[in-house]
N, C-alpha and C. Protein backbone atom coordinates (compact mmCIF):
# COMPACT_ATOMS: atom_id res chain seq x y z
N UNK A 1 15.86 -76.45 -39.89
CA UNK A 1 14.44 -76.53 -39.68
C UNK A 1 13.82 -75.19 -40.08
N UNK A 2 12.60 -75.24 -40.54
CA UNK A 2 11.92 -74.03 -40.99
C UNK A 2 10.72 -73.71 -40.11
N UNK A 3 10.39 -72.42 -40.06
CA UNK A 3 9.33 -71.90 -39.21
C UNK A 3 8.31 -71.17 -40.10
N UNK A 4 7.05 -71.59 -40.03
CA UNK A 4 6.00 -70.91 -40.78
C UNK A 4 5.47 -69.79 -39.90
N UNK A 5 5.74 -68.55 -40.26
CA UNK A 5 5.39 -67.40 -39.44
C UNK A 5 3.97 -66.90 -39.69
N UNK A 6 3.38 -67.28 -40.79
CA UNK A 6 2.04 -66.82 -41.12
C UNK A 6 1.96 -66.45 -42.58
N UNK A 7 0.71 -66.39 -43.07
CA UNK A 7 0.49 -66.12 -44.49
C UNK A 7 1.36 -67.09 -45.29
N UNK A 8 2.19 -66.59 -46.20
CA UNK A 8 3.09 -67.44 -46.99
C UNK A 8 4.55 -67.17 -46.61
N UNK A 9 4.79 -66.81 -45.36
CA UNK A 9 6.12 -66.41 -44.91
C UNK A 9 6.76 -67.52 -44.10
N UNK A 10 7.86 -68.07 -44.61
CA UNK A 10 8.60 -69.15 -43.96
C UNK A 10 10.05 -68.69 -43.81
N UNK A 11 10.63 -68.97 -42.64
CA UNK A 11 12.03 -68.61 -42.45
C UNK A 11 12.75 -69.72 -41.72
N UNK A 12 14.05 -69.69 -41.81
CA UNK A 12 14.88 -70.69 -41.16
C UNK A 12 14.90 -70.42 -39.67
N UNK A 13 14.78 -71.45 -38.85
CA UNK A 13 14.77 -71.25 -37.39
C UNK A 13 16.08 -70.65 -36.88
N UNK A 14 17.16 -70.83 -37.58
CA UNK A 14 18.42 -70.23 -37.12
C UNK A 14 18.40 -68.71 -37.22
N UNK A 15 17.45 -68.16 -38.01
CA UNK A 15 17.31 -66.71 -38.13
C UNK A 15 16.40 -66.11 -37.06
N UNK A 16 15.70 -66.94 -36.29
CA UNK A 16 14.79 -66.45 -35.26
C UNK A 16 15.57 -66.13 -33.99
N UNK A 17 15.49 -64.88 -33.55
CA UNK A 17 16.14 -64.46 -32.31
C UNK A 17 15.19 -64.63 -31.14
N UNK A 18 13.91 -64.30 -31.35
CA UNK A 18 12.95 -64.44 -30.27
C UNK A 18 11.52 -64.27 -30.74
N UNK A 19 10.61 -64.83 -29.97
CA UNK A 19 9.17 -64.68 -30.19
C UNK A 19 8.63 -64.04 -28.92
N UNK A 20 7.91 -62.91 -29.06
CA UNK A 20 7.49 -62.13 -27.91
C UNK A 20 5.98 -61.90 -27.91
N UNK A 21 5.40 -61.91 -26.73
CA UNK A 21 3.98 -61.66 -26.53
C UNK A 21 3.75 -60.15 -26.50
N UNK A 22 2.88 -59.65 -27.35
CA UNK A 22 2.62 -58.21 -27.40
C UNK A 22 1.90 -57.70 -26.15
N UNK A 23 1.15 -58.54 -25.46
CA UNK A 23 0.47 -58.10 -24.24
C UNK A 23 1.47 -57.68 -23.17
N UNK A 24 2.59 -58.36 -23.07
CA UNK A 24 3.57 -58.02 -22.04
C UNK A 24 4.67 -57.11 -22.58
N UNK A 25 5.20 -57.40 -23.74
CA UNK A 25 6.30 -56.60 -24.29
C UNK A 25 5.82 -55.30 -24.92
N UNK A 26 4.60 -55.29 -25.41
CA UNK A 26 4.08 -54.10 -26.11
C UNK A 26 3.87 -52.90 -25.22
N UNK A 27 3.80 -53.09 -23.91
CA UNK A 27 3.57 -51.99 -22.99
C UNK A 27 4.84 -51.19 -22.70
N UNK A 28 5.97 -51.70 -23.10
CA UNK A 28 7.26 -51.06 -22.82
C UNK A 28 7.53 -49.91 -23.78
N UNK A 29 8.07 -48.82 -23.23
CA UNK A 29 8.46 -47.68 -24.07
C UNK A 29 9.57 -48.09 -25.03
N UNK A 30 10.48 -48.93 -24.58
CA UNK A 30 11.58 -49.39 -25.45
C UNK A 30 11.06 -50.21 -26.62
N UNK A 31 10.04 -51.02 -26.37
CA UNK A 31 9.46 -51.81 -27.45
C UNK A 31 8.80 -50.90 -28.48
N UNK A 32 8.10 -49.88 -28.02
CA UNK A 32 7.48 -48.92 -28.94
C UNK A 32 8.54 -48.22 -29.78
N UNK A 33 9.65 -47.81 -29.16
CA UNK A 33 10.74 -47.17 -29.89
C UNK A 33 11.34 -48.14 -30.89
N UNK A 34 11.51 -49.40 -30.50
CA UNK A 34 12.06 -50.42 -31.39
C UNK A 34 11.16 -50.58 -32.62
N UNK A 35 9.84 -50.67 -32.40
CA UNK A 35 8.90 -50.81 -33.52
C UNK A 35 8.95 -49.61 -34.45
N UNK A 36 8.97 -48.41 -33.88
CA UNK A 36 9.03 -47.21 -34.72
C UNK A 36 10.27 -47.22 -35.60
N UNK A 37 11.40 -47.56 -35.00
CA UNK A 37 12.66 -47.61 -35.76
C UNK A 37 12.61 -48.70 -36.83
N UNK A 38 12.13 -49.88 -36.46
CA UNK A 38 12.06 -50.99 -37.42
C UNK A 38 11.13 -50.65 -38.58
N UNK A 39 9.99 -50.01 -38.29
CA UNK A 39 9.07 -49.62 -39.36
C UNK A 39 9.70 -48.57 -40.27
N UNK A 40 10.41 -47.61 -39.70
CA UNK A 40 11.05 -46.57 -40.52
C UNK A 40 12.14 -47.15 -41.42
N UNK A 41 12.74 -48.27 -40.99
CA UNK A 41 13.77 -48.94 -41.79
C UNK A 41 13.17 -49.93 -42.79
N UNK A 42 11.86 -50.12 -42.75
CA UNK A 42 11.22 -51.08 -43.65
C UNK A 42 11.42 -52.52 -43.24
N UNK A 43 11.66 -52.75 -41.95
CA UNK A 43 11.98 -54.09 -41.47
C UNK A 43 10.80 -54.80 -40.84
N UNK A 44 9.59 -54.25 -40.97
CA UNK A 44 8.41 -54.86 -40.36
C UNK A 44 7.58 -55.52 -41.46
N UNK A 45 7.23 -56.77 -41.23
CA UNK A 45 6.36 -57.52 -42.15
C UNK A 45 5.11 -57.89 -41.38
N UNK A 46 3.96 -57.38 -41.80
CA UNK A 46 2.69 -57.68 -41.12
C UNK A 46 2.14 -58.99 -41.68
N UNK A 47 2.01 -59.99 -40.81
CA UNK A 47 1.54 -61.30 -41.24
C UNK A 47 0.16 -61.64 -40.69
N UNK A 48 -0.52 -60.65 -40.11
CA UNK A 48 -1.85 -60.88 -39.55
C UNK A 48 -2.88 -61.00 -40.67
N UNK A 49 -3.91 -61.77 -40.38
CA UNK A 49 -5.04 -61.84 -41.30
C UNK A 49 -5.72 -60.47 -41.31
N UNK A 50 -6.28 -60.07 -42.43
CA UNK A 50 -6.95 -58.77 -42.51
C UNK A 50 -8.01 -58.62 -41.42
N UNK A 51 -7.99 -57.47 -40.75
CA UNK A 51 -8.97 -57.19 -39.72
C UNK A 51 -8.67 -57.75 -38.35
N UNK A 52 -7.49 -58.36 -38.17
CA UNK A 52 -7.13 -58.91 -36.86
C UNK A 52 -5.95 -58.16 -36.27
N UNK A 53 -5.85 -58.19 -34.96
CA UNK A 53 -4.73 -57.55 -34.27
C UNK A 53 -3.66 -58.59 -33.97
N UNK A 54 -2.38 -58.18 -34.02
CA UNK A 54 -1.31 -59.13 -33.71
C UNK A 54 -1.31 -59.49 -32.23
N UNK A 55 -0.90 -60.73 -31.93
CA UNK A 55 -0.77 -61.20 -30.55
C UNK A 55 0.68 -61.35 -30.15
N UNK A 56 1.56 -61.45 -31.14
CA UNK A 56 2.98 -61.64 -30.85
C UNK A 56 3.80 -61.04 -31.98
N UNK A 57 5.10 -60.98 -31.75
CA UNK A 57 6.00 -60.53 -32.81
C UNK A 57 7.29 -61.34 -32.76
N UNK A 58 7.92 -61.46 -33.90
CA UNK A 58 9.19 -62.18 -34.04
C UNK A 58 10.30 -61.17 -34.27
N UNK A 59 11.44 -61.43 -33.68
CA UNK A 59 12.64 -60.69 -34.00
C UNK A 59 13.56 -61.68 -34.68
N UNK A 60 14.03 -61.30 -35.87
CA UNK A 60 14.88 -62.21 -36.65
C UNK A 60 16.16 -61.53 -37.08
N UNK A 61 17.11 -62.33 -37.42
CA UNK A 61 18.34 -61.87 -38.05
C UNK A 61 18.24 -62.30 -39.50
N UNK A 62 17.29 -61.69 -40.17
CA UNK A 62 17.00 -62.07 -41.55
C UNK A 62 17.95 -61.33 -42.48
N UNK A 63 18.60 -62.01 -43.39
CA UNK A 63 19.56 -61.36 -44.27
C UNK A 63 18.90 -60.27 -45.12
N UNK A 64 19.60 -59.16 -45.25
CA UNK A 64 19.13 -58.04 -46.08
C UNK A 64 19.28 -58.43 -47.54
N UNK A 65 18.17 -58.40 -48.26
CA UNK A 65 18.20 -58.84 -49.66
C UNK A 65 18.13 -57.68 -50.64
N UNK A 66 18.64 -56.50 -50.25
CA UNK A 66 18.63 -55.36 -51.16
C UNK A 66 19.88 -55.29 -51.97
């Protein structure tokens, strides 16, 4: 089964580890550290419409295509 994450981004549901609410998870210091590390590794894909703030985030086991 496939999951439409936003924009033109579709992934297999078997690659989805979790879907998290930024209002609750975003307040955690560990979540902030996780985001900083993921961004530095180039593992963050912003799927929000221009000018909007994200409400949730996905953690996936997406295969590295480099």
